[in-house]
Amino acid sequence: MSKSPVTVLGLGAMGTALATAFVTGGLPTTVWNRTPGKAEPLVALGATAADGLPSAVTASELVVVCLLDHDSVHETLDPVADGLSGRTLVNLTNGTPAQAREMAGWAAGRGIAYVDGGIMAIPPGIGTEQAFLLYSGSRSAFDAFAPALELLGAPRFVGEDPGLAALLDIALLSGMYGMFAGAFHALALANTEQFPAAEFGPLLAGWITAMASGIPHYAHQIETGDYATGVVSNIGMQAAAFANLLETAEAQGLSPELLAPLGSLMSRRVADGHGREDVSGVVELLKRA
C-alpha cells in the first residue's frame, strides 16, 4: 500500500479512532483539533500535530474530516478552502443527503475532489473486521485513496451521487434504532415481572437474529411492490395479534409508545383491503405524494 500521508481534522471519539487506524496502519498522519490537547495520545503513537489548521490541510493530499455536524464542517473548512484546492476531501461527518450534495458543490467550486462517507461502526470497531464504511462522490478520488481508507474498515463505494452514502447511512441507522425500540420495549416488558435479564437477553437476541433473515425477502417485496407473493403470515392476522402487545404493555404498567405507531399502520393497511398481503406493505402508507 502507498504510504501517502493523510490529515485527520477532528479528534472526538470517532476522529481519534480514524487517526489511530491510519497511524497504526503505517501512514504518515497529521492531526488537528480545535482543542490541541486531544492530539497528544496520537502524537505518542507517531502522528504529527499540526501547528494550525492551514498547515494541517496542506500537509497531505488526502484530508479526512470528522466533526460534530454539517455546520462545524463549514466553520472549519471555509477559512482554509484555498489550501484544500487540488486535494481530496473525505467527509466522514454524519449528515443528510442534501448536506452531502451541498458540500460536494462547495468542493467542486473550489477545485477540491470530494468523497462523502458514512461510518457503520462505533469508535472501538474502527479498523476491525466488523467495520464497514459507505462512500459516494468522486469515483476517481475514492479509487486513488481506497488502500488508505481500507485501514478504517471495509470500504464500499455506492455511487457518484454524493448523497448516496449519507442516505444509506441514515437508512441503516433507522433500521438499527427501530430494532433498538423493539428490543428496549421487550426488555422492559420482561422486567415488569423481574424475569432474569441474563436469561431473557440471549433469548431476545436469538429471536431478533432469526427474524432478520426475512429482510431480503421484504426488500424484494418493497422494490417490486408485490406484497402478495410468498406470504407466510399475513398482515390481517398480525394486526389482530398486535393489539395484544399493546394491551399487555398497558396491563403491565408500561407505555406502548415505542410500538404503537406500527400497530396503527397495520390496522390502516388491513382496513384498505390488504389483509391477505405481507406486513411489509405498511411502507405504502409512509409514501407521500
Protein backbone atom coordinates (compact mmCIF):
# COMPACT_ATOMS: atom_id res chain seq x y z
CA MET A 1 0.00 0.00 0.00
CA SER A 2 1.15 3.51 -0.80
CA LYS A 3 2.41 5.39 2.25
CA SER A 4 0.91 8.69 1.08
CA PRO A 5 0.20 10.95 4.04
CA VAL A 6 -3.24 11.69 5.45
CA THR A 7 -4.61 14.52 7.54
CA VAL A 8 -7.43 13.99 10.04
CA LEU A 9 -9.44 17.01 11.16
CA GLY A 10 -11.45 16.50 14.33
CA LEU A 11 -10.34 14.35 17.25
CA GLY A 12 -13.53 13.41 19.01
CA ALA A 13 -14.02 9.75 19.84
CA MET A 14 -14.55 8.79 16.19
CA GLY A 15 -11.92 11.10 14.74
CA THR A 16 -9.37 9.76 17.18
CA ALA A 17 -10.25 6.20 16.18
CA LEU A 18 -9.82 7.08 12.49
CA ALA A 19 -6.46 8.74 13.10
CA THR A 20 -5.32 5.80 15.22
CA ALA A 21 -6.13 3.38 12.40
CA PHE A 22 -4.12 5.44 9.93
CA VAL A 23 -1.12 5.74 12.24
CA THR A 24 -1.04 2.09 13.24
CA GLY A 25 -1.52 1.18 9.58
CA GLY A 26 1.77 2.90 8.78
CA LEU A 27 0.54 6.10 7.13
CA PRO A 28 2.21 9.43 7.92
CA THR A 29 -0.68 11.10 9.74
CA THR A 30 -1.19 14.74 10.58
CA VAL A 31 -3.91 15.56 13.09
CA TRP A 32 -5.71 18.73 14.09
CA ASN A 33 -8.39 19.53 16.63
CA ARG A 34 -9.86 22.76 17.86
CA THR A 35 -8.69 21.71 21.33
CA PRO A 36 -4.96 20.92 20.86
CA GLY A 37 -4.59 18.63 23.89
CA LYS A 38 -6.58 15.88 22.21
CA ALA A 39 -3.71 15.25 19.81
CA GLU A 40 -1.22 14.20 22.49
CA PRO A 41 -2.10 10.45 22.64
CA LEU A 42 -1.91 10.28 18.85
CA VAL A 43 1.44 12.04 18.80
CA ALA A 44 2.67 9.40 21.23
CA LEU A 45 1.65 6.79 18.64
CA GLY A 46 3.55 8.56 15.89
CA ALA A 47 1.17 11.15 14.48
CA THR A 48 2.17 14.76 13.81
CA ALA A 49 0.16 17.50 15.46
CA ALA A 50 -0.33 20.40 13.06
CA ASP A 51 0.61 23.80 14.40
CA GLY A 52 -2.57 25.21 12.92
CA LEU A 53 -5.45 24.44 10.60
CA PRO A 54 -3.84 25.91 7.45
CA SER A 55 -0.76 23.71 7.83
CA ALA A 56 -2.95 20.68 8.60
CA VAL A 57 -4.85 20.84 5.32
CA THR A 58 -1.71 21.38 3.24
CA ALA A 59 0.22 18.56 4.89
CA SER A 60 -1.48 15.78 2.90
CA GLU A 61 -3.16 15.09 -0.42
CA LEU A 62 -5.89 13.22 1.49
CA VAL A 63 -7.79 15.20 4.11
CA VAL A 64 -10.34 13.33 6.24
CA VAL A 65 -12.78 15.39 8.28
CA CYS A 66 -14.91 14.01 11.11
CA LEU A 67 -16.61 16.74 13.11
CA LEU A 68 -19.83 17.24 15.05
CA ASP A 69 -22.16 18.30 12.26
CA HIS A 70 -22.50 19.96 8.85
CA ASP A 71 -22.24 23.48 10.22
CA SER A 72 -18.99 22.69 12.03
CA VAL A 73 -17.53 21.32 8.77
CA HIS A 74 -18.18 24.64 7.04
CA GLU A 75 -16.93 26.62 10.03
CA THR A 76 -13.69 24.65 9.91
CA LEU A 77 -13.10 24.38 6.17
CA ASP A 78 -14.40 27.66 4.76
CA PRO A 79 -11.40 29.68 6.02
CA VAL A 80 -8.90 27.19 4.54
CA ALA A 81 -10.64 26.36 1.26
CA ASP A 82 -7.75 27.72 -0.80
CA GLY A 83 -5.36 25.31 0.90
CA LEU A 84 -7.64 22.38 0.05
CA SER A 85 -7.66 23.16 -3.67
CA GLY A 86 -6.21 20.26 -5.66
CA ARG A 87 -6.58 17.83 -2.75
CA THR A 88 -9.11 15.14 -1.89
CA LEU A 89 -11.56 15.77 0.93
CA VAL A 90 -13.26 12.75 2.51
CA ASN A 91 -16.05 13.94 4.76
CA LEU A 92 -16.99 11.34 7.38
CA THR A 93 -19.14 13.71 9.42
CA ASN A 94 -22.66 12.36 9.90
CA GLY A 95 -25.15 14.33 7.85
CA THR A 96 -28.06 14.23 5.43
CA PRO A 97 -28.02 13.52 1.68
CA ALA A 98 -28.85 17.17 0.99
CA GLN A 99 -25.92 18.32 3.12
CA ALA A 100 -23.57 15.93 1.31
CA ARG A 101 -24.67 17.26 -2.07
CA GLU A 102 -24.26 20.84 -0.89
CA MET A 103 -20.77 20.05 0.36
CA ALA A 104 -19.88 18.40 -2.95
CA GLY A 105 -20.96 21.54 -4.79
CA TRP A 106 -18.92 23.66 -2.41
CA ALA A 107 -15.85 21.49 -3.07
CA ALA A 108 -16.31 21.42 -6.84
CA GLY A 109 -16.37 25.20 -6.96
CA ARG A 110 -13.00 25.31 -5.22
CA GLY A 111 -11.15 22.60 -7.13
CA ILE A 112 -11.42 20.02 -4.36
CA ALA A 113 -12.12 16.35 -5.11
CA TYR A 114 -14.93 15.32 -2.80
CA VAL A 115 -15.97 11.98 -1.29
CA ASP A 116 -18.74 11.72 1.29
CA GLY A 117 -18.85 8.83 3.71
CA GLY A 118 -20.95 7.04 6.28
CA ILE A 119 -19.25 5.14 9.10
CA MET A 120 -21.01 1.91 10.01
CA ALA A 121 -19.12 1.23 13.22
CA ILE A 122 -18.63 2.57 16.72
CA PRO A 123 -15.18 4.03 17.53
CA PRO A 124 -13.75 0.81 19.05
CA GLY A 125 -14.76 -1.04 15.90
CA ILE A 126 -12.75 1.12 13.51
CA GLY A 127 -10.05 -0.94 11.80
CA THR A 128 -11.68 -4.25 12.72
CA GLU A 129 -13.41 -6.82 10.52
CA GLN A 130 -16.79 -5.67 11.83
CA ALA A 131 -16.44 -2.14 10.47
CA PHE A 132 -17.52 -1.02 7.03
CA LEU A 133 -17.81 2.44 5.54
CA LEU A 134 -20.02 3.72 2.74
CA TYR A 135 -18.61 6.20 0.22
CA SER A 136 -20.08 8.23 -2.63
CA GLY A 137 -18.96 11.12 -4.80
CA SER A 138 -15.81 11.23 -6.90
CA ARG A 139 -15.03 7.70 -8.04
CA SER A 140 -11.51 8.59 -9.16
CA ALA A 141 -10.70 10.16 -5.79
CA PHE A 142 -12.11 7.14 -3.96
CA ASP A 143 -10.09 4.73 -6.11
CA ALA A 144 -6.90 6.73 -5.59
CA PHE A 145 -7.14 6.53 -1.80
CA ALA A 146 -9.03 3.24 -1.34
CA PRO A 147 -5.94 1.49 0.12
CA ALA A 148 -5.74 4.11 2.87
CA LEU A 149 -9.48 4.01 3.51
CA GLU A 150 -9.32 0.22 3.88
CA LEU A 151 -7.43 0.76 7.13
CA LEU A 152 -10.65 2.12 8.66
CA GLY A 153 -12.88 -0.79 7.69
CA ALA A 154 -14.20 -2.42 4.53
CA PRO A 155 -14.84 0.42 2.05
CA ARG A 156 -17.96 0.25 -0.12
CA PHE A 157 -18.41 2.77 -2.93
CA VAL A 158 -22.14 3.13 -3.58
CA GLY A 159 -22.29 5.68 -6.40
CA GLU A 160 -21.19 9.01 -7.79
CA ASP A 161 -24.19 10.86 -6.37
CA PRO A 162 -22.54 12.43 -3.29
CA GLY A 163 -25.72 11.99 -1.25
CA LEU A 164 -26.00 8.22 -1.59
CA ALA A 165 -23.61 7.30 1.23
CA ALA A 166 -25.47 9.58 3.64
CA LEU A 167 -28.83 8.20 2.52
CA LEU A 168 -27.78 4.59 3.08
CA ASP A 169 -26.08 5.52 6.36
CA ILE A 170 -29.34 7.06 7.60
CA ALA A 171 -31.32 4.08 6.29
CA LEU A 172 -29.11 1.60 8.15
CA LEU A 173 -29.23 3.69 11.32
CA SER A 174 -33.03 3.86 11.01
CA GLY A 175 -33.13 0.08 10.96
CA MET A 176 -30.86 -0.03 13.98
CA TYR A 177 -32.97 2.38 16.02
CA GLY A 178 -36.14 0.55 15.03
CA MET A 179 -34.57 -2.65 16.32
CA PHE A 180 -33.49 -0.88 19.50
CA ALA A 181 -37.05 0.40 20.03
CA GLY A 182 -38.48 -3.10 19.90
CA ALA A 183 -35.66 -4.56 21.97
CA PHE A 184 -35.95 -1.89 24.68
CA HIS A 185 -39.70 -2.46 24.89
CA ALA A 186 -39.22 -6.22 25.09
CA LEU A 187 -36.58 -5.94 27.82
CA ALA A 188 -38.73 -3.53 29.81
CA LEU A 189 -41.76 -5.81 29.47
CA ALA A 190 -39.87 -8.85 30.73
CA ASN A 191 -38.54 -6.73 33.57
CA THR A 192 -42.06 -5.90 34.77
CA GLU A 193 -42.13 -9.44 36.15
CA GLN A 194 -38.45 -9.41 37.15
CA PHE A 195 -37.67 -12.15 34.62
CA PRO A 196 -33.87 -12.56 34.73
CA ALA A 197 -32.17 -10.32 32.18
CA ALA A 198 -29.32 -12.81 31.85
CA GLU A 199 -31.84 -15.36 30.60
CA PHE A 200 -34.12 -13.13 28.53
CA GLY A 201 -31.39 -11.11 26.80
CA PRO A 202 -29.91 -14.05 24.85
CA LEU A 203 -33.43 -15.33 24.10
CA LEU A 204 -34.32 -11.95 22.57
CA ALA A 205 -31.06 -11.69 20.63
CA GLY A 206 -31.57 -15.11 19.09
CA TRP A 207 -35.17 -14.29 18.14
CA ILE A 208 -34.25 -10.98 16.51
CA THR A 209 -31.42 -12.65 14.60
CA ALA A 210 -33.79 -15.32 13.29
CA MET A 211 -36.39 -12.75 12.23
CA ALA A 212 -33.76 -10.64 10.47
CA SER A 213 -33.33 -13.43 7.93
CA GLY A 214 -36.57 -12.22 6.33
CA ILE A 215 -35.21 -8.77 5.48
CA PRO A 216 -34.00 -9.69 1.93
CA HIS A 217 -37.50 -11.02 1.18
CA TYR A 218 -39.11 -7.82 2.45
CA ALA A 219 -36.62 -5.75 0.47
CA HIS A 220 -37.64 -7.56 -2.73
CA GLN A 221 -41.33 -7.02 -1.97
CA ILE A 222 -40.82 -3.30 -1.39
CA GLU A 223 -38.70 -2.94 -4.54
CA THR A 224 -41.28 -4.71 -6.71
CA GLY A 225 -44.43 -3.53 -4.94
CA ASP A 226 -45.60 -7.16 -4.76
CA TYR A 227 -46.70 -7.85 -1.18
CA ALA A 228 -48.86 -10.87 -2.02
CA THR A 229 -46.18 -13.37 -3.08
CA GLY A 230 -44.56 -15.70 -0.56
CA VAL A 231 -46.74 -14.60 2.35
CA VAL A 232 -46.48 -16.95 5.32
CA SER A 233 -48.11 -14.73 7.95
CA ASN A 234 -50.48 -12.14 6.53
CA ILE A 235 -50.94 -8.66 7.92
CA GLY A 236 -54.60 -9.29 8.78
CA MET A 237 -53.61 -11.96 11.27
CA GLN A 238 -50.65 -9.95 12.55
CA ALA A 239 -52.72 -6.80 13.07
CA ALA A 240 -55.23 -8.73 15.15
CA ALA A 241 -52.47 -10.18 17.31
CA PHE A 242 -50.63 -6.87 17.57
CA ALA A 243 -53.42 -5.49 19.73
CA ASN A 244 -52.36 -7.96 22.40
CA LEU A 245 -48.88 -6.40 22.51
CA LEU A 246 -50.33 -3.00 23.30
CA GLU A 247 -52.90 -4.34 25.78
CA THR A 248 -50.26 -6.34 27.64
CA ALA A 249 -47.94 -3.36 27.90
CA GLU A 250 -50.72 -1.23 29.41
CA ALA A 251 -51.69 -4.01 31.82
CA GLN A 252 -48.07 -4.31 32.97
CA GLY A 253 -47.83 -0.57 33.60
CA LEU A 254 -45.63 0.03 30.55
CA SER A 255 -46.16 2.69 27.89
CA PRO A 256 -46.60 1.14 24.43
CA GLU A 257 -45.44 4.26 22.61
CA LEU A 258 -42.35 2.59 21.09
CA LEU A 259 -44.61 0.07 19.30
CA ALA A 260 -47.97 1.80 18.86
CA PRO A 261 -47.23 3.57 15.53
CA LEU A 262 -46.64 0.26 13.74
CA GLY A 263 -49.91 -1.10 15.11
CA SER A 264 -51.93 1.79 13.71
CA LEU A 265 -50.26 1.45 10.30
CA MET A 266 -51.04 -2.28 10.21
CA SER A 267 -54.67 -1.63 11.06
CA ARG A 268 -54.95 1.01 8.33
CA ARG A 269 -53.40 -1.32 5.78
CA VAL A 270 -55.90 -4.05 6.64
CA ALA A 271 -58.80 -1.56 6.50
CA ASP A 272 -57.64 -0.60 3.00
CA GLY A 273 -58.22 -4.19 1.84
CA HIS A 274 -54.70 -5.65 2.05
CA GLY A 275 -55.28 -8.10 4.89
CA ARG A 276 -54.07 -11.11 2.89
CA GLU A 277 -50.77 -9.45 2.00
CA ASP A 278 -47.47 -9.29 3.88
CA VAL A 279 -46.76 -6.86 6.71
CA SER A 280 -44.09 -5.09 4.64
CA GLY A 281 -46.90 -3.41 2.72
CA VAL A 282 -47.16 -0.82 5.52
CA VAL A 283 -44.41 1.10 3.71
CA GLU A 284 -47.01 2.14 1.13
CA LEU A 285 -48.64 4.22 3.86
CA LEU A 286 -45.36 6.02 4.53
CA LYS A 287 -45.03 7.35 0.98
CA ARG A 288 -46.02 10.94 0.47
CA ALA A 289 -47.33 12.17 -2.87
